Protein backbone atom coordinates (compact mmCIF):
# COMPACT_ATOMS: atom_id res chain seq x y z
CA MET A 1 -4.61 -11.85 -7.38
CA GLY A 2 -4.81 -11.45 -3.67
CA THR A 3 -7.04 -9.64 -1.29
CA VAL A 4 -6.29 -6.64 0.85
CA ALA A 5 -6.48 -8.86 3.96
CA LEU A 6 -4.02 -11.37 2.51
CA LEU A 7 -1.45 -8.63 1.94
CA ALA A 8 -1.97 -7.33 5.48
CA THR A 9 -1.34 -10.71 7.04
CA SER A 10 1.57 -11.48 4.73
CA VAL A 11 3.31 -8.31 5.86
CA PHE A 12 2.51 -8.30 9.57
CA SER A 13 1.57 -11.84 10.57
CA GLY A 14 3.19 -12.81 13.81
CA ALA A 15 4.05 -9.27 14.86
CA GLY A 16 2.91 -10.37 18.30
CA VAL A 17 1.49 -7.04 19.34
CA ALA A 18 -1.85 -6.76 21.12
CA LEU A 19 -3.72 -3.72 19.89
CA ALA A 20 -7.06 -2.15 20.49
CA ALA A 21 -9.59 -2.89 17.80
CA GLY A 22 -11.77 -0.41 16.07
CA THR A 23 -9.90 1.49 13.37
CA PHE A 24 -12.05 0.01 10.61
CA PRO A 25 -15.54 -1.25 11.45
CA ASP A 26 -15.48 -3.79 8.62
CA ASP A 27 -12.49 -5.66 10.06
CA ASP A 28 -13.76 -6.01 13.64
CA GLY A 29 -13.47 -9.66 14.65
CA GLN A 30 -11.91 -10.73 11.34
CA TRP A 31 -8.96 -13.13 11.24
CA TYR A 32 -6.72 -10.36 9.91
CA GLU A 33 -7.78 -7.60 12.33
CA ALA A 34 -4.66 -7.64 14.55
CA ASP A 35 -2.35 -7.39 11.55
CA VAL A 36 -4.36 -4.50 10.12
CA GLU A 37 -4.33 -2.64 13.43
CA PHE A 38 -0.56 -3.14 13.71
CA GLY A 39 -0.14 -1.77 10.19
CA VAL A 40 -2.21 1.29 11.11
CA THR A 41 0.09 2.01 14.07
CA LYS A 42 3.07 1.90 11.70
CA GLY A 43 1.45 4.31 9.23
CA ILE A 44 0.99 1.69 6.53
CA TRP A 45 -2.75 2.17 6.17
CA ASP A 46 -4.65 5.42 6.30
CA LYS A 47 -6.78 5.41 9.41
CA THR A 48 -8.93 8.24 8.06
CA GLN A 49 -10.53 5.80 5.62
CA THR A 50 -13.93 4.50 6.68
CA LYS A 51 -13.37 0.88 5.57
CA PHE A 52 -10.46 -1.50 5.23
CA ARG A 53 -12.12 -3.66 2.52
CA GLY A 54 -10.26 -6.83 3.52
CA ALA A 55 -12.21 -9.12 1.19
CA ASP A 56 -11.69 -6.90 -1.86
CA LEU A 57 -9.10 -7.71 -4.48
CA ILE A 58 -6.12 -5.45 -4.00
CA LEU A 59 -5.32 -2.94 -6.70
CA ARG A 60 -1.77 -2.62 -8.03
CA ALA A 61 -1.58 0.93 -6.68
CA GLU A 62 -2.69 -0.23 -3.22
CA ALA A 63 -0.14 -3.06 -3.20
CA ALA A 64 2.64 -0.71 -4.29
CA THR A 65 1.69 1.87 -1.67
CA THR A 66 1.59 -0.73 1.09
CA MET A 67 4.92 -2.29 0.20
CA VAL A 68 6.71 1.04 -0.28
CA ARG A 69 5.42 2.24 3.10
CA VAL A 70 6.57 -1.01 4.75
CA VAL A 71 10.15 -0.53 3.57
CA ASP A 72 10.08 3.28 3.97
CA GLY A 73 10.75 3.47 0.26
CA LEU A 74 10.00 7.17 -0.11
CA ALA A 75 12.94 8.10 2.13
CA GLY A 76 15.40 9.83 -0.16
CA PHE A 77 13.37 8.91 -3.24
CA THR A 78 13.37 11.22 -6.24
CA ALA A 79 10.83 10.47 -8.95
CA PRO A 80 12.05 10.24 -12.54
CA ALA A 81 11.13 13.04 -14.92
CA LYS A 82 9.31 10.60 -17.20
CA ALA A 83 6.66 8.16 -15.94
CA THR A 84 7.77 4.53 -15.71
CA PHE A 85 4.33 3.08 -16.45
CA VAL A 86 2.09 4.27 -19.27
CA ASP A 87 -1.00 3.95 -17.10
CA VAL A 88 0.39 5.89 -14.14
CA PRO A 89 0.63 9.70 -14.41
CA ALA A 90 4.08 11.15 -13.74
CA VAL A 91 4.89 12.60 -10.34
CA GLY A 92 4.56 16.37 -10.54
CA SER A 93 2.39 16.30 -13.64
CA ALA A 94 -1.01 17.96 -13.87
CA THR A 95 -2.60 14.49 -13.82
CA GLU A 96 -0.58 13.08 -10.91
CA GLN A 97 -2.60 10.69 -8.72
CA TRP A 98 -2.27 9.75 -5.03
CA TYR A 99 -0.45 6.57 -6.03
CA SER A 100 1.97 8.03 -8.61
CA LYS A 101 4.93 8.44 -6.26
CA TYR A 102 4.36 5.00 -4.72
CA MET A 103 4.27 3.33 -8.13
CA GLU A 104 7.48 5.09 -9.15
CA ALA A 105 9.18 4.20 -5.87
CA SER A 106 8.07 0.58 -6.19
CA ALA A 107 9.57 0.42 -9.69
CA SER A 108 12.80 2.02 -8.47
CA LEU A 109 13.05 -0.54 -5.65
CA GLY A 110 12.22 -3.45 -7.97
CA ILE A 111 9.03 -4.25 -6.07
CA ILE A 112 6.71 -3.85 -9.04
CA THR A 113 7.77 -4.09 -12.64
CA GLY A 114 5.83 -4.07 -15.85
CA ASP A 115 6.16 -4.50 -19.56
CA LYS A 116 4.07 -1.51 -20.61
CA THR A 117 6.64 1.20 -20.24
CA PRO A 118 6.54 4.29 -22.46
């Protein structure tokens, strides 16, 4: 398992862009701050959140969301009628979650796979 910061630097390390700090107070001065700020400018991370949580373990839904946003994986994406993962509510269902479409897109793109399909 990796941390949120590790994913940020894996995706954007070496982007070579100087950015103003300050989106997330908990990443100020951290080794991954520039990569996080670059990701925010690209719409990868939600700047309305109050913390980045760089030291936290990353959740599967967060990893899927990040990677799908990086590759613009929702462009032209149509979710399947039936959920791919048993633990992720179907897109359009009454129990749909914020991450449902990202999990489905990540499965469609082959980014995240699993063995617990319905």
